[in-house]
Amino acid sequence: MSIQVVRTRDGWWVESGTGRLHRVDTEADTTAGLLADRSAVQQAAARATGDPDAGVSVGEAELLSPVTTPCRVVAQMVNYRSHAVDSGFDPDTVPPAFFRKASGSVSGPYQDIKRPQHVRFLDYEVELGLVMGADLPVGTEVTDSTLPAFVAALVVADDVSARDLQLPKTQFYESKSYPTFTPLGPRLLLVDADDLARLPDLRLTLKVNGFTRQDRTTTDMIVRPAHALSLLARFQHLQPGDVLLTGTPGGTALKSPGRLLATLAALLPPHKRWQRFFARQQANPDYLKDGDVVTARIATDDGALDLGEQRTVVRAR
């Protein structure tokens, strides 16, 4: 049975079903430490179940990212069929790929997204984050049945991306690693085997100024979590508290210009190609602008698993 945990400057709390906070009596100051102190979490969860209306309202608390830093933040590229189509890839043949984000990009679920002055095309990507609860050594093979031994919790993520840096430079690290480019939370949803069996039922939704941009369940995933961790473990060691972002559904601002335009653009020198591309992007109203409000939510439709909703506002830095 899942447990909803949040983090404030005063420590860790279990959130009851009525939105009240019950302190976790732990010395842990990192996500890894909290996950290792499951008895303290279980005791707080028992109090939250026994007296759900006691404690402070979660609405009165200033919530921080429930994933503490430093940590490894690894992400899957083009891992939803709808996103593959939007990006001009064949979802049946697109290869699995991973990239890293700086842990300095992690921010809280209600913290402003700071747009650097030189970034013009800022994009959003709601993603399901898998938070590791145990070591994943290089060479580990993960199956659906062993997944609960490695993944301890789930978290909402927004993989904020500066497309005008990502595309011309053909790299992801800078374009996705500026401070506040990885809002996480609000909840760290601790899960067990039964909860992880329901991963396909999770729905990812992202809205900008109240208008829905992304809305898909994880059944749209190309590489499922167990297989993704096996592929990642071929070369990357993960530790408790590290997080894997598992890709985003279609609906981002960035979309493929189409095969014909892409073919014609390939005939141009690279600097001309990108000039033409971004000139067309100027007319795209879906990129994030200063003052835009982004809400991202992940939950099952029946509410049995609910990672909460983050709300961030775009501001010029």
Protein backbone atom coordinates (compact mmCIF):
# COMPACT_ATOMS: atom_id res chain seq x y z
CA MET A 1 0.00 0.00 0.00
CA SER A 2 1.42 3.38 -1.03
CA ILE A 3 2.49 6.05 1.49
CA GLN A 4 2.46 9.75 0.61
CA VAL A 5 5.57 11.50 1.96
CA VAL A 6 6.43 15.18 1.63
CA ARG A 7 9.44 17.23 2.71
CA THR A 8 9.69 20.66 4.30
CA ARG A 9 12.58 22.61 5.84
CA ASP A 10 11.56 21.03 9.15
CA GLY A 11 11.84 17.44 7.97
CA TRP A 12 9.76 14.63 6.50
CA TRP A 13 6.02 14.09 6.85
CA VAL A 14 3.41 11.51 5.89
CA GLU A 15 0.39 13.13 4.26
CA SER A 16 -2.92 11.59 5.30
CA GLY A 17 -5.83 11.03 2.94
CA THR A 18 -7.37 14.26 4.24
CA GLY A 19 -4.30 16.34 3.47
CA ARG A 20 -2.91 16.58 7.01
CA LEU A 21 0.77 16.14 7.85
CA HIS A 22 2.18 13.68 10.39
CA ARG A 23 5.86 14.01 11.24
CA VAL A 24 8.25 11.18 10.44
CA ASP A 25 10.46 10.80 13.51
CA THR A 26 13.76 10.26 11.74
CA GLU A 27 17.24 11.75 11.72
CA ALA A 28 17.40 11.30 7.94
CA ASP A 29 18.25 14.44 5.99
CA THR A 30 18.46 12.79 2.57
CA THR A 31 16.01 10.80 0.49
CA ALA A 32 18.29 7.78 0.71
CA GLY A 33 18.32 8.08 4.51
CA LEU A 34 14.55 8.34 4.66
CA LEU A 35 14.08 5.27 2.48
CA ALA A 36 16.42 3.35 4.77
CA ASP A 37 14.34 4.29 7.84
CA ARG A 38 11.14 2.59 6.76
CA SER A 39 10.07 1.81 10.33
CA ALA A 40 9.83 5.54 11.10
CA VAL A 41 7.81 6.09 7.93
CA GLN A 42 5.51 3.18 8.80
CA GLN A 43 4.90 4.57 12.28
CA ALA A 44 3.98 7.98 10.88
CA ALA A 45 1.71 6.31 8.32
CA ALA A 46 -0.04 4.42 11.10
CA ARG A 47 -0.69 7.68 12.96
CA ALA A 48 -1.98 9.27 9.74
CA THR A 49 -4.37 6.37 9.24
CA GLY A 50 -5.51 6.32 12.86
CA ASP A 51 -6.14 10.06 13.13
CA PRO A 52 -6.22 11.45 9.57
CA ASP A 53 -7.58 14.87 10.58
CA ALA A 54 -4.83 15.63 13.08
CA GLY A 55 -1.77 17.68 12.19
CA VAL A 56 -1.07 20.68 10.02
CA SER A 57 -2.76 21.06 6.63
CA VAL A 58 -0.42 20.35 3.73
CA GLY A 59 -1.65 23.61 2.18
CA GLU A 60 0.02 25.54 5.01
CA ALA A 61 3.43 23.95 4.47
CA GLU A 62 6.21 25.05 2.14
CA LEU A 63 7.05 21.84 0.31
CA LEU A 64 10.54 21.15 -1.03
CA SER A 65 11.64 18.61 -3.59
CA PRO A 66 11.21 15.21 -1.94
CA VAL A 67 14.34 14.06 -3.79
CA THR A 68 17.36 15.57 -2.09
CA THR A 69 20.54 16.56 -3.86
CA PRO A 70 23.23 15.74 -4.79
CA CYS A 71 21.91 12.69 -6.61
CA ARG A 72 22.03 11.17 -10.05
CA VAL A 73 19.26 12.35 -12.35
CA VAL A 74 19.07 10.14 -15.43
CA ALA A 75 16.39 10.46 -18.11
CA GLN A 76 15.08 8.39 -20.99
CA MET A 77 14.83 10.05 -24.39
CA VAL A 78 11.77 9.56 -26.65
CA ASN A 79 10.16 6.82 -24.58
CA TYR A 80 6.47 7.34 -25.38
CA ARG A 81 4.97 6.33 -28.70
CA SER A 82 3.05 9.60 -29.00
CA HIS A 83 6.23 11.62 -28.34
CA ALA A 84 8.13 9.57 -30.91
CA VAL A 85 5.51 10.39 -33.54
CA ASP A 86 5.57 14.08 -32.56
CA SER A 87 9.36 14.03 -32.88
CA GLY A 88 9.41 12.40 -36.32
CA PHE A 89 10.56 8.94 -35.16
CA ASP A 90 9.06 5.53 -35.79
CA PRO A 91 8.01 4.32 -32.31
CA ASP A 92 8.66 0.72 -33.38
CA THR A 93 12.30 1.35 -34.28
CA VAL A 94 13.47 4.29 -32.14
CA PRO A 95 16.39 2.98 -30.02
CA PRO A 96 16.45 3.29 -26.23
CA ALA A 97 18.62 6.24 -25.13
CA PHE A 98 19.55 7.89 -21.84
CA PHE A 99 20.98 11.25 -20.83
CA ARG A 100 21.99 12.92 -17.59
CA LYS A 101 20.72 16.10 -15.96
CA ALA A 102 22.66 18.04 -13.35
CA SER A 103 21.23 17.51 -9.87
CA GLY A 104 21.56 21.28 -9.45
CA SER A 105 18.54 21.54 -11.77
CA VAL A 106 16.27 19.92 -9.15
CA SER A 107 13.76 22.32 -7.59
CA GLY A 108 10.60 22.19 -5.53
CA PRO A 109 7.07 21.48 -6.78
CA TYR A 110 5.89 25.08 -6.34
CA GLN A 111 9.12 26.90 -7.06
CA ASP A 112 9.35 29.27 -10.05
CA ILE A 113 10.97 28.01 -13.24
CA LYS A 114 13.74 30.52 -13.96
CA ARG A 115 14.16 31.11 -17.69
CA PRO A 116 17.71 32.25 -18.57
CA GLN A 117 17.71 35.48 -20.54
CA HIS A 118 19.32 33.84 -23.58
CA VAL A 119 16.67 31.07 -23.82
CA ARG A 120 13.79 31.80 -26.19
CA PHE A 121 12.20 28.38 -26.71
CA LEU A 122 11.44 26.90 -23.32
CA ASP A 123 9.53 23.61 -23.31
CA TYR A 124 7.84 21.33 -20.75
CA GLU A 125 7.85 17.54 -20.37
CA VAL A 126 5.82 15.86 -17.61
CA GLU A 127 7.57 12.64 -16.58
CA LEU A 128 7.22 9.80 -14.10
CA GLY A 129 10.31 9.57 -11.89
CA LEU A 130 11.44 6.27 -10.39
CA VAL A 131 13.33 6.81 -7.12
CA MET A 132 15.82 4.09 -6.26
CA GLY A 133 15.63 2.46 -2.87
CA ALA A 134 18.54 0.03 -3.27
CA ASP A 135 21.86 -0.20 -5.07
CA LEU A 136 21.61 -1.08 -8.76
CA PRO A 137 25.11 -2.37 -9.60
CA VAL A 138 26.41 -2.44 -13.16
CA GLY A 139 25.34 -5.70 -14.78
CA THR A 140 22.05 -6.04 -12.89
CA GLU A 141 19.12 -7.55 -14.77
CA VAL A 142 15.78 -6.20 -13.54
CA THR A 143 12.46 -7.93 -14.20
CA ASP A 144 8.90 -6.93 -13.36
CA SER A 145 9.05 -9.30 -10.39
CA THR A 146 12.33 -7.85 -9.04
CA LEU A 147 11.47 -4.20 -9.77
CA PRO A 148 10.14 -3.61 -6.20
CA ALA A 149 13.56 -4.59 -4.83
CA PHE A 150 15.11 -1.55 -6.53
CA VAL A 151 12.39 1.10 -6.96
CA ALA A 152 11.13 2.44 -3.63
CA ALA A 153 9.11 5.47 -4.68
CA LEU A 154 7.58 7.47 -7.50
CA VAL A 155 7.64 11.23 -8.10
CA VAL A 156 6.22 13.79 -10.55
CA ALA A 157 8.86 15.50 -12.67
CA ASP A 158 8.92 18.23 -15.30
CA ASP A 159 11.92 17.90 -17.61
CA VAL A 160 12.13 21.58 -18.57
CA SER A 161 14.10 22.02 -21.79
CA ALA A 162 15.74 24.91 -23.65
CA ARG A 163 15.14 23.77 -27.22
CA ASP A 164 17.23 26.52 -28.81
CA LEU A 165 20.25 25.13 -26.94
CA GLN A 166 19.39 21.45 -27.20
CA LEU A 167 18.94 21.18 -30.95
CA PRO A 168 21.73 23.23 -32.59
CA LYS A 169 24.30 21.85 -30.12
CA THR A 170 22.90 18.30 -30.42
CA GLN A 171 23.35 17.75 -26.69
CA PHE A 172 21.00 17.55 -23.74
CA TYR A 173 23.08 18.27 -20.64
CA GLU A 174 23.20 22.07 -20.81
CA SER A 175 19.74 22.52 -22.28
CA LYS A 176 18.08 20.55 -19.47
CA SER A 177 20.34 21.33 -16.51
CA TYR A 178 19.82 24.99 -15.65
CA PRO A 179 18.69 25.65 -12.06
CA THR A 180 14.93 24.94 -11.63
CA PHE A 181 14.79 22.84 -14.84
CA THR A 182 13.76 19.70 -12.90
CA PRO A 183 10.83 20.44 -10.57
CA LEU A 184 10.13 17.32 -8.50
CA GLY A 185 7.19 16.51 -6.22
CA PRO A 186 5.10 17.37 -4.38
CA ARG A 187 4.91 13.81 -3.05
CA LEU A 188 7.40 11.02 -2.73
CA LEU A 189 4.98 8.13 -3.16
CA LEU A 190 6.45 5.09 -1.42
CA VAL A 191 5.27 1.97 -3.22
CA ASP A 192 5.23 -1.81 -2.87
CA ALA A 193 4.92 -4.63 -5.38
CA ASP A 194 1.14 -4.28 -5.70
CA ASP A 195 1.48 -0.55 -6.39
CA LEU A 196 4.19 -1.07 -9.02
CA ALA A 197 1.96 -3.62 -10.74
CA ARG A 198 -0.37 -0.67 -11.41
CA LEU A 199 2.23 1.47 -13.18
CA PRO A 200 0.38 1.09 -16.52
CA ASP A 201 -2.66 2.75 -14.92
CA LEU A 202 -0.85 5.99 -14.10
CA ARG A 203 -1.99 9.02 -16.10
CA LEU A 204 0.38 11.90 -16.79
CA THR A 205 -1.25 15.30 -17.31
CA LEU A 206 0.33 18.69 -17.90
CA LYS A 207 -1.51 21.97 -18.34
CA VAL A 208 -0.30 25.47 -19.20
CA ASN A 209 -2.53 28.26 -17.93
CA GLY A 210 -5.30 25.71 -17.42
CA PHE A 211 -5.19 24.29 -20.95
CA THR A 212 -4.23 20.63 -21.32
CA ARG A 213 -1.06 20.02 -23.35
CA GLN A 214 -0.20 16.44 -22.34
CA ASP A 215 -2.55 13.66 -21.24
CA ARG A 216 -1.54 9.99 -21.55
CA THR A 217 -1.21 6.88 -19.42
CA THR A 218 2.06 5.01 -19.14
CA THR A 219 0.69 2.30 -21.45
CA ASP A 220 2.10 4.63 -24.14
CA MET A 221 5.65 3.87 -22.92
CA ILE A 222 8.04 2.19 -25.35
CA VAL A 223 10.61 0.78 -22.89
CA ARG A 224 9.02 -0.23 -19.60
CA PRO A 225 10.74 0.53 -16.26
CA ALA A 226 12.22 -2.91 -15.52
CA HIS A 227 13.77 -3.20 -18.98
CA ALA A 228 14.91 0.43 -18.88
CA LEU A 229 16.78 -0.17 -15.61
CA SER A 230 18.39 -3.31 -17.06
CA LEU A 231 19.61 -1.33 -20.08
CA LEU A 232 20.84 1.50 -17.88
CA ALA A 233 22.63 -0.92 -15.56
CA ARG A 234 24.78 -2.10 -18.45
CA PHE A 235 26.94 0.97 -17.81
CA GLN A 236 25.50 3.06 -14.94
CA HIS A 237 25.53 2.28 -11.23
CA LEU A 238 22.54 3.77 -9.39
CA GLN A 239 22.24 4.25 -5.63
CA PRO A 240 19.36 4.90 -3.22
CA GLY A 241 17.94 8.38 -3.75
CA ASP A 242 18.90 8.51 -7.43
CA VAL A 243 16.05 9.08 -9.89
CA LEU A 244 15.26 7.85 -13.39
CA LEU A 245 12.90 10.02 -15.44
CA THR A 246 11.04 7.66 -17.76
CA GLY A 247 10.17 9.89 -20.72
CA THR A 248 7.30 12.16 -21.67
CA PRO A 249 4.12 11.71 -23.73
CA GLY A 250 3.33 13.62 -26.89
CA GLY A 251 2.09 17.18 -26.66
CA THR A 252 5.27 19.15 -26.02
CA ALA A 253 5.72 22.46 -27.80
CA LEU A 254 8.50 21.03 -29.97
CA LYS A 255 7.29 18.87 -32.84
CA SER A 256 8.87 17.52 -36.00
CA PRO A 257 8.50 19.83 -39.02
CA GLY A 258 7.50 16.83 -41.14
CA ARG A 259 9.49 14.59 -43.46
CA LEU A 260 9.38 16.83 -46.51
CA LEU A 261 10.60 19.92 -44.69
CA ALA A 262 13.23 17.86 -42.87
CA THR A 263 14.48 16.44 -46.16
CA LEU A 264 14.71 19.87 -47.73
CA ALA A 265 16.37 21.32 -44.64
CA ALA A 266 19.03 18.61 -44.77
CA LEU A 267 20.26 20.14 -48.02
CA LEU A 268 21.13 23.40 -46.26
CA PRO A 269 24.31 24.19 -44.30
CA PRO A 270 23.75 23.59 -40.55
CA HIS A 271 23.66 27.28 -39.59
CA LYS A 272 21.09 28.01 -42.31
CA ARG A 273 19.07 24.95 -41.35
CA TRP A 274 18.72 26.08 -37.73
CA GLN A 275 18.00 29.66 -38.75
CA ARG A 276 15.07 28.44 -40.85
CA PHE A 277 13.87 26.04 -38.16
CA PHE A 278 13.80 28.58 -35.34
CA ALA A 279 12.29 31.21 -37.60
CA ARG A 280 9.33 28.85 -38.00
CA GLN A 281 9.31 28.14 -34.26
CA GLN A 282 8.78 31.85 -33.58
CA ALA A 283 5.19 31.35 -34.73
CA ASN A 284 4.62 28.44 -32.32
CA PRO A 285 2.54 29.75 -29.36
CA ASP A 286 3.07 26.65 -27.22
CA TYR A 287 6.54 27.47 -25.90
CA LEU A 288 6.56 28.68 -22.31
CA LYS A 289 6.50 32.41 -21.73
CA ASP A 290 7.17 34.49 -18.64
CA GLY A 291 4.13 34.35 -16.35
CA ASP A 292 2.86 31.01 -17.68
CA VAL A 293 1.55 28.65 -14.99
CA VAL A 294 2.49 25.00 -15.48
CA THR A 295 0.65 22.27 -13.57
CA ALA A 296 1.78 18.66 -13.78
CA ARG A 297 -0.03 15.73 -12.20
CA ILE A 298 0.36 11.94 -12.11
CA ALA A 299 -2.26 9.60 -10.64
CA THR A 300 -4.39 6.60 -11.46
CA ASP A 301 -7.88 7.51 -12.62
CA ASP A 302 -9.35 5.92 -9.50
CA GLY A 303 -7.04 7.91 -7.22
CA ALA A 304 -5.56 4.82 -5.59
CA LEU A 305 -2.08 6.00 -6.55
CA ASP A 306 -1.70 9.78 -6.41
CA LEU A 307 1.68 11.48 -6.76
CA GLY A 308 0.09 14.92 -6.41
CA GLU A 309 0.21 18.02 -8.58
CA GLN A 310 3.03 20.49 -8.92
CA ARG A 311 2.42 24.11 -9.87
CA THR A 312 5.24 26.25 -11.20
CA VAL A 313 5.37 29.72 -12.75
CA VAL A 314 7.81 30.72 -15.46
CA ARG A 315 9.88 33.79 -14.60
CA ALA A 316 12.75 35.52 -16.37
CA ARG A 317 16.02 35.08 -14.51
